PDB file of N, CA and C in Angstrom:
ATOM      1  N   MET A   1     -44.602  -0.147  -7.855  1.00  0.00           N
ATOM      2  CA  MET A   1     -44.322  -1.175  -6.307  1.00  0.00           C
ATOM      3  C   MET A   1     -43.496  -1.137  -6.362  1.00  0.00           C
ATOM      4  N   ARG A   2     -42.496  -1.338  -6.970  1.00  0.00           N
ATOM      5  CA  ARG A   2     -40.625  -1.051  -7.055  1.00  0.00           C
ATOM      6  C   ARG A   2     -40.652   0.068  -6.400  1.00  0.00           C
ATOM      7  N   HIS A   3     -40.906   0.914  -7.147  1.00  0.00           N
ATOM      8  CA  HIS A   3     -40.449   2.250  -6.728  1.00  0.00           C
ATOM      9  C   HIS A   3     -40.814   2.682  -5.117  1.00  0.00           C
ATOM     10  N   SER A   4     -41.818   2.563  -4.540  1.00  0.00           N
ATOM     11  CA  SER A   4     -42.737   3.047  -3.894  1.00  0.00           C
ATOM     12  C   SER A   4     -41.980   2.198  -2.230  1.00  0.00           C
ATOM     13  N   ILE A   5     -41.385   0.895  -2.542  1.00  0.00           N
ATOM     14  CA  ILE A   5     -40.222   0.177  -1.589  1.00  0.00           C
ATOM     15  C   ILE A   5     -38.826   1.266  -1.316  1.00  0.00           C
ATOM     16  N   LEU A   6     -38.712   1.416  -2.640  1.00  0.00           N
ATOM     17  CA  LEU A   6     -37.639   1.971  -2.695  1.00  0.00           C
ATOM     18  C   LEU A   6     -37.009   3.564  -2.319  1.00  0.00           C
ATOM     19  N   LEU A   7     -38.453   4.206  -2.112  1.00  0.00           N
ATOM     20  CA  LEU A   7     -38.978   5.575  -1.936  1.00  0.00           C
ATOM     21  C   LEU A   7     -38.911   5.697   0.147  1.00  0.00           C
ATOM     22  N   ALA A   8     -39.444   4.439   0.867  1.00  0.00           N
ATOM     23  CA  ALA A   8     -39.948   3.831   1.369  1.00  0.00           C
ATOM     24  C   ALA A   8     -38.506   3.389   2.370  1.00  0.00           C
ATOM     25  N   THR A   9     -37.213   3.108   1.676  1.00  0.00           N
ATOM     26  CA  THR A   9     -36.157   2.591   2.066  1.00  0.00           C
ATOM     27  C   THR A   9     -35.464   3.786   2.546  1.00  0.00           C
ATOM     28  N   LEU A  10     -35.158   4.265   1.226  1.00  0.00           N
ATOM     29  CA  LEU A  10     -34.796   5.119   1.569  1.00  0.00           C
ATOM     30  C   LEU A  10     -35.130   6.329   2.360  1.00  0.00           C
ATOM     31  N   ALA A  11     -36.754   6.432   2.849  1.00  0.00           N
ATOM     32  CA  ALA A  11     -37.403   7.562   3.906  1.00  0.00           C
ATOM     33  C   ALA A  11     -36.282   7.179   5.335  1.00  0.00           C
ATOM     34  N   THR A  12     -37.041   5.737   5.323  1.00  0.00           N
ATOM     35  CA  THR A  12     -36.163   4.878   6.921  1.00  0.00           C
ATOM     36  C   THR A  12     -34.979   4.887   6.908  1.00  0.00           C
ATOM     37  N   THR A  13     -33.970   4.656   6.115  1.00  0.00           N
ATOM     38  CA  THR A  13     -32.616   5.260   6.208  1.00  0.00           C
ATOM     39  C   THR A  13     -32.225   6.755   6.410  1.00  0.00           C
ATOM     40  N   THR A  14     -33.259   7.550   5.907  1.00  0.00           N
ATOM     41  CA  THR A  14     -32.467   8.928   6.409  1.00  0.00           C
ATOM     42  C   THR A  14     -33.044   9.107   7.797  1.00  0.00           C
ATOM     43  N   LEU A  15     -34.340   8.594   7.816  1.00  0.00           N
ATOM     44  CA  LEU A  15     -35.177   9.505   9.404  1.00  0.00           C
ATOM     45  C   LEU A  15     -33.596   8.356  10.359  1.00  0.00           C
ATOM     46  N   PHE A  16     -32.854   7.191  10.119  1.00  0.00           N
ATOM     47  CA  PHE A  16     -32.041   6.175  10.973  1.00  0.00           C
ATOM     48  C   PHE A  16     -30.543   6.479  11.119  1.00  0.00           C
ATOM     49  N   ALA A  17     -30.508   7.552  10.285  1.00  0.00           N
ATOM     50  CA  ALA A  17     -28.494   7.452  10.191  1.00  0.00           C
ATOM     51  C   ALA A  17     -28.456   8.007  11.240  1.00  0.00           C
ATOM     52  N   ALA A  18     -27.001   7.701  11.352  1.00  0.00           N
ATOM     53  CA  ALA A  18     -26.077   8.058  12.765  1.00  0.00           C
ATOM     54  C   ALA A  18     -25.784   9.532  12.321  1.00  0.00           C
ATOM     55  N   ASP A  19     -25.792   9.927  13.913  1.00  0.00           N
ATOM     56  CA  ASP A  19     -25.462  11.250  14.288  1.00  0.00           C
ATOM     57  C   ASP A  19     -23.934  11.143  13.309  1.00  0.00           C
ATOM     58  N   PRO A  20     -23.532  12.786  12.545  1.00  0.00           N
ATOM     59  CA  PRO A  20     -22.506  12.526  12.238  1.00  0.00           C
ATOM     60  C   PRO A  20     -21.236  12.860  13.713  1.00  0.00           C
ATOM     61  N   ASP A  21     -20.329  11.887  13.740  1.00  0.00           N
ATOM     62  CA  ASP A  21     -19.166  11.911  14.028  1.00  0.00           C
ATOM     63  C   ASP A  21     -18.440  13.192  14.566  1.00  0.00           C
ATOM     64  N   GLY A  22     -17.834  13.683  15.420  1.00  0.00           N
ATOM     65  CA  GLY A  22     -17.686  14.694  16.533  1.00  0.00           C
ATOM     66  C   GLY A  22     -16.804  15.778  15.362  1.00  0.00           C
ATOM     67  N   ALA A  23     -15.660  14.988  14.228  1.00  0.00           N
ATOM     68  CA  ALA A  23     -14.984  15.675  13.199  1.00  0.00           C
ATOM     69  C   ALA A  23     -15.722  16.759  12.153  1.00  0.00           C
ATOM     70  N   ALA A  24     -17.148  15.276  11.679  1.00  0.00           N
ATOM     71  CA  ALA A  24     -18.048  16.275  11.132  1.00  0.00           C
ATOM     72  C   ALA A  24     -18.660  17.541  12.030  1.00  0.00           C
ATOM     73  N   LEU A  25     -18.868  17.435  12.943  1.00  0.00           N
ATOM     74  CA  LEU A  25     -20.679  18.251  13.839  1.00  0.00           C
ATOM     75  C   LEU A  25     -18.700  19.293  14.066  1.00  0.00           C
ATOM     76  N   PHE A  26     -17.977  19.497  14.590  1.00  0.00           N
ATOM     77  CA  PHE A  26     -16.790  20.601  14.465  1.00  0.00           C
ATOM     78  C   PHE A  26     -16.735  20.903  13.429  1.00  0.00           C
ATOM     79  N   LYS A  27     -16.358  20.626  12.273  1.00  0.00           N
ATOM     80  CA  LYS A  27     -16.259  21.202  10.694  1.00  0.00           C
ATOM     81  C   LYS A  27     -17.585  21.836  10.221  1.00  0.00           C
ATOM     82  N   ALA A  28     -18.213  21.495  10.830  1.00  0.00           N
ATOM     83  CA  ALA A  28     -19.909  21.760   9.959  1.00  0.00           C
ATOM     84  C   ALA A  28     -20.474  22.913  11.519  1.00  0.00           C
ATOM     85  N   ARG A  29     -19.782  22.851  12.258  1.00  0.00           N
ATOM     86  CA  ARG A  29     -20.215  23.905  13.035  1.00  0.00           C
ATOM     87  C   ARG A  29     -19.412  24.992  14.114  1.00  0.00           C
ATOM     88  N   CYS A  30     -18.410  23.698  14.041  1.00  0.00           N
ATOM     89  CA  CYS A  30     -17.420  25.264  14.665  1.00  0.00           C
ATOM     90  C   CYS A  30     -15.463  25.682  14.091  1.00  0.00           C
ATOM     91  N   ALA A  31     -15.786  25.086  12.458  1.00  0.00           N
ATOM     92  CA  ALA A  31     -14.213  25.011  12.225  1.00  0.00           C
ATOM     93  C   ALA A  31     -14.170  26.804  11.673  1.00  0.00           C
ATOM     94  N   THR A  32     -15.410  27.186  11.241  1.00  0.00           N
ATOM     95  CA  THR A  32     -15.697  28.433  10.607  1.00  0.00           C
ATOM     96  C   THR A  32     -14.791  29.603  12.004  1.00  0.00           C
ATOM     97  N   CYS A  33     -15.296  29.814  12.399  1.00  0.00           N
ATOM     98  CA  CYS A  33     -14.493  30.860  13.673  1.00  0.00           C
ATOM     99  C   CYS A  33     -13.162  29.981  14.713  1.00  0.00           C
ATOM    100  N   HIS A  34     -13.143  28.750  14.793  1.00  0.00           N
ATOM    101  CA  HIS A  34     -11.838  27.649  15.531  1.00  0.00           C
ATOM    102  C   HIS A  34     -11.110  27.425  14.632  1.00  0.00           C
ATOM    103  N   GLU A  35     -11.247  27.754  13.611  1.00  0.00           N
ATOM    104  CA  GLU A  35     -10.119  27.407  12.250  1.00  0.00           C
ATOM    105  C   GLU A  35     -10.003  28.457  12.181  1.00  0.00           C
ATOM    106  N   GLY A  36     -10.479  29.632  12.052  1.00  0.00           N
ATOM    107  CA  GLY A  36     -10.181  30.760  10.785  1.00  0.00           C
ATOM    108  C   GLY A  36      -9.272  31.732  11.614  1.00  0.00           C
ATOM    109  N   PRO A  37      -8.776  32.573  11.118  1.00  0.00           N
ATOM    110  CA  PRO A  37      -7.895  33.517  11.947  1.00  0.00           C
ATOM    111  C   PRO A  37      -7.792  33.915  13.164  1.00  0.00           C
ATOM    112  N   PRO A  38      -6.782  33.937  14.070  1.00  0.00           N
ATOM    113  CA  PRO A  38      -7.076  33.679  15.557  1.00  0.00           C
ATOM    114  C   PRO A  38      -7.917  35.479  15.986  1.00  0.00           C
ATOM    115  N   GLN A  39      -8.966  35.164  16.708  1.00  0.00           N
ATOM    116  CA  GLN A  39      -9.294  36.706  17.423  1.00  0.00           C
ATOM    117  C   GLN A  39      -9.405  36.522  18.997  1.00  0.00           C
ATOM    118  N   GLU A  40      -9.384  37.688  19.281  1.00  0.00           N
ATOM    119  CA  GLU A  40      -9.109  37.705  21.076  1.00  0.00           C
ATOM    120  C   GLU A  40     -10.670  36.900  21.152  1.00  0.00           C
ATOM    121  N   ARG A  41     -10.182  36.548  22.567  1.00  0.00           N
ATOM    122  CA  ARG A  41     -11.161  35.776  23.566  1.00  0.00           C
ATOM    123  C   ARG A  41     -11.733  34.470  22.455  1.00  0.00           C
ATOM    124  N   MET A  42     -11.647  33.866  21.520  1.00  0.00           N
ATOM    125  CA  MET A  42     -11.834  32.884  21.024  1.00  0.00           C
ATOM    126  C   MET A  42     -10.790  32.090  20.421  1.00  0.00           C
ATOM    127  N   PRO A  43     -10.991  30.531  21.265  1.00  0.00           N
ATOM    128  CA  PRO A  43      -9.419  29.810  21.127  1.00  0.00           C
ATOM    129  C   PRO A  43      -9.346  29.301  19.762  1.00  0.00           C
ATOM    130  N   SER A  44      -8.270  28.691  19.305  1.00  0.00           N
ATOM    131  CA  SER A  44      -7.652  27.958  18.120  1.00  0.00           C
ATOM    132  C   SER A  44      -8.095  26.820  18.389  1.00  0.00           C
ATOM    133  N   ARG A  45      -8.120  25.660  17.173  1.00  0.00           N
ATOM    134  CA  ARG A  45      -9.025  24.308  17.598  1.00  0.00           C
ATOM    135  C   ARG A  45      -7.751  23.636  18.541  1.00  0.00           C
ATOM    136  N   LYS A  46      -6.186  24.059  17.958  1.00  0.00           N
ATOM    137  CA  LYS A  46      -5.338  23.318  19.215  1.00  0.00           C
ATOM    138  C   LYS A  46      -5.648  23.612  21.196  1.00  0.00           C
ATOM    139  N   GLU A  47      -5.870  24.587  20.576  1.00  0.00           N
ATOM    140  CA  GLU A  47      -6.512  25.272  22.382  1.00  0.00           C
ATOM    141  C   GLU A  47      -7.451  24.504  22.930  1.00  0.00           C
ATOM    142  N   LEU A  48      -8.544  24.633  21.666  1.00  0.00           N
ATOM    143  CA  LEU A  48      -9.542  23.727  22.228  1.00  0.00           C
ATOM    144  C   LEU A  48      -9.520  22.001  23.183  1.00  0.00           C
ATOM    145  N   GLU A  49      -8.142  21.848  21.981  1.00  0.00           N
ATOM    146  CA  GLU A  49      -8.452  20.316  22.595  1.00  0.00           C
ATOM    147  C   GLU A  49      -7.538  19.937  23.157  1.00  0.00           C
ATOM    148  N   SER A  50      -6.800  21.471  23.781  1.00  0.00           N
ATOM    149  CA  SER A  50      -6.139  20.461  25.011  1.00  0.00           C
ATOM    150  C   SER A  50      -7.283  21.153  26.690  1.00  0.00           C
ATOM    151  N   ARG A  51      -8.250  21.454  25.864  1.00  0.00           N
ATOM    152  CA  ARG A  51      -9.150  21.352  27.351  1.00  0.00           C
ATOM    153  C   ARG A  51      -9.801  20.188  27.781  1.00  0.00           C
ATOM    154  N   THR A  52     -10.704  20.237  28.772  1.00  0.00           N
ATOM    155  CA  THR A  52     -11.031  19.020  29.448  1.00  0.00           C
ATOM    156  C   THR A  52     -12.864  19.084  28.590  1.00  0.00           C
ATOM    157  N   PRO A  53     -13.107  17.404  28.367  1.00  0.00           N
ATOM    158  CA  PRO A  53     -14.788  17.524  27.914  1.00  0.00           C
ATOM    159  C   PRO A  53     -15.417  18.441  28.561  1.00  0.00           C
ATOM    160  N   GLU A  54     -15.096  18.657  29.928  1.00  0.00           N
ATOM    161  CA  GLU A  54     -16.091  19.100  30.795  1.00  0.00           C
ATOM    162  C   GLU A  54     -16.267  20.430  30.540  1.00  0.00           C
ATOM    163  N   ALA A  55     -14.576  20.768  30.092  1.00  0.00           N
ATOM    164  CA  ALA A  55     -14.573  22.676  30.335  1.00  0.00           C
ATOM    165  C   ALA A  55     -15.444  22.364  28.966  1.00  0.00           C
ATOM    166  N   VAL A  56     -15.345  22.136  27.738  1.00  0.00           N
ATOM    167  CA  VAL A  56     -15.731  22.069  26.449  1.00  0.00           C
ATOM    168  C   VAL A  56     -17.156  22.260  26.330  1.00  0.00           C
ATOM    169  N   MET A  57     -17.930  20.851  27.391  1.00  0.00           N
ATOM    170  CA  MET A  57     -18.952  21.130  27.136  1.00  0.00           C
ATOM    171  C   MET A  57     -19.916  22.037  28.081  1.00  0.00           C
ATOM    172  N   ASN A  58     -18.996  22.567  29.385  1.00  0.00           N
ATOM    173  CA  ASN A  58     -19.915  23.533  30.083  1.00  0.00           C
ATOM    174  C   ASN A  58     -19.766  25.032  29.417  1.00  0.00           C
ATOM    175  N   ALA A  59     -19.364  24.837  28.643  1.00  0.00           N
ATOM    176  CA  ALA A  59     -18.642  26.156  27.435  1.00  0.00           C
ATOM    177  C   ALA A  59     -20.419  26.140  26.224  1.00  0.00           C
ATOM    178  N   LEU A  60     -20.268  25.085  25.989  1.00  0.00           N
ATOM    179  CA  LEU A  60     -21.279  24.342  25.383  1.00  0.00           C
ATOM    180  C   LEU A  60     -23.195  24.987  25.599  1.00  0.00           C
ATOM    181  N   PHE A  61     -22.988  23.932  26.575  1.00  0.00           N
ATOM    182  CA  PHE A  61     -24.609  24.768  27.781  1.00  0.00           C
ATOM    183  C   PHE A  61     -24.878  25.282  27.802  1.00  0.00           C
ATOM    184  N   ALA A  62     -23.329  25.948  29.017  1.00  0.00           N
ATOM    185  CA  ALA A  62     -24.082  26.233  29.920  1.00  0.00           C
ATOM    186  C   ALA A  62     -22.947  27.950  30.295  1.00  0.00           C
ATOM    187  N   GLY A  63     -22.229  28.155  29.172  1.00  0.00           N
ATOM    188  CA  GLY A  63     -21.478  29.112  28.923  1.00  0.00           C
ATOM    189  C   GLY A  63     -21.618  30.182  27.423  1.00  0.00           C
ATOM    190  N   SER A  64     -20.651  30.792  27.117  1.00  0.00           N
ATOM    191  CA  SER A  64     -20.275  31.402  25.800  1.00  0.00           C
ATOM    192  C   SER A  64     -20.914  30.806  25.286  1.00  0.00           C
ATOM    193  N   MET A  65     -21.203  29.607  24.954  1.00  0.00           N
ATOM    194  CA  MET A  65     -21.689  29.119  22.964  1.00  0.00           C
ATOM    195  C   MET A  65     -22.324  28.631  22.928  1.00  0.00           C
ATOM    196  N   MET A  66     -23.973  28.526  24.242  1.00  0.00           N
ATOM    197  CA  MET A  66     -24.702  28.583  24.023  1.00  0.00           C
ATOM    198  C   MET A  66     -25.625  28.363  22.843  1.00  0.00           C
ATOM    199  N   VAL A  67     -25.388  29.697  22.368  1.00  0.00           N
ATOM    200  CA  VAL A  67     -26.392  30.329  21.260  1.00  0.00           C
ATOM    201  C   VAL A  67     -25.819  29.199  20.448  1.00  0.00           C
ATOM    202  N   GLN A  68     -24.279  29.148  19.781  1.00  0.00           N
ATOM    203  CA  GLN A  68     -24.277  28.160  19.278  1.00  0.00           C
ATOM    204  C   GLN A  68     -24.609  27.025  19.255  1.00  0.00           C
ATOM    205  N   ALA A  69     -24.514  26.248  20.528  1.00  0.00           N
ATOM    206  CA  ALA A  69     -24.577  24.863  20.837  1.00  0.00           C
ATOM    207  C   ALA A  69     -25.844  24.920  20.640  1.00  0.00           C
ATOM    208  N   ALA A  70     -27.247  25.574  19.763  1.00  0.00           N
ATOM    209  CA  ALA A  70     -28.511  25.457  19.683  1.00  0.00           C
ATOM    210  C   ALA A  70     -28.723  24.567  19.275  1.00  0.00           C
ATOM    211  N   GLY A  71     -29.361  23.147  19.832  1.00  0.00           N
ATOM    212  CA  GLY A  71     -29.911  21.921  19.064  1.00  0.00           C
ATOM    213  C   GLY A  71     -29.503  21.337  18.439  1.00  0.00           C
ATOM    214  N   LEU A  72     -27.713  21.702  19.564  1.00  0.00           N
ATOM    215  CA  LEU A  72     -26.896  20.090  19.478  1.00  0.00           C
ATOM    216  C   LEU A  72     -27.667  19.613  20.756  1.00  0.00           C
ATOM    217  N   THR A  73     -27.190  17.708  20.769  1.00  0.00           N
ATOM    218  CA  THR A  73     -27.797  16.992  22.199  1.00  0.00           C
ATOM    219  C   THR A  73     -26.560  16.833  22.867  1.00  0.00           C
ATOM    220  N   SER A  74     -26.872  16.442  24.577  1.00  0.00           N
ATOM    221  CA  SER A  74     -25.514  16.510  24.603  1.00  0.00           C
ATOM    222  C   SER A  74     -24.811  15.591  24.312  1.00  0.00           C
ATOM    223  N   ASP A  75     -25.224  14.092  23.573  1.00  0.00           N
ATOM    224  CA  ASP A  75     -23.968  13.400  23.373  1.00  0.00           C
ATOM    225  C   ASP A  75     -23.523  14.054  22.147  1.00  0.00           C
ATOM    226  N   GLN A  76     -24.321  14.357  21.302  1.00  0.00           N
ATOM    227  CA  GLN A  76     -23.700  15.945  20.211  1.00  0.00           C
ATOM    228  C   GLN A  76     -22.367  15.885  20.540  1.00  0.00           C
ATOM    229  N   GLY A  77     -22.690  17.214  22.136  1.00  0.00           N
ATOM    230  CA  GLY A  77     -21.496  18.339  22.848  1.00  0.00           C
ATOM    231  C   GLY A  77     -20.008  17.370  23.419  1.00  0.00           C
ATOM    232  N   ARG A  78     -20.436  15.673  23.660  1.00  0.00           N
ATOM    233  CA  ARG A  78     -19.384  15.423  23.801  1.00  0.00           C
ATOM    234  C   ARG A  78     -18.193  14.709  22.426  1.00  0.00           C
ATOM    235  N   ARG A  79     -19.074  14.622  21.322  1.00  0.00           N
ATOM    236  CA  ARG A  79     -18.170  14.149  20.627  1.00  0.00           C
ATOM    237  C   ARG A  79     -16.886  15.027  20.159  1.00  0.00           C
TER     238      ARG A  79
END
């Protein structure tokens, strides 16, 4: 009985875990390119930080980064 309660608790906790913060999302989905060696037409992390949130959201959801942003919610994109 205790084992099944523990499993149910773990499953529920996993299902309702908070979304990762912005830094974790960036590390998981963006850092490989934006923190790597500079490349033409690819802004560095520092350059991204100087852009407005609207410009980043536009690139993610309506621009050049749509493929990479696939599966992100708009809330995650704002982080």
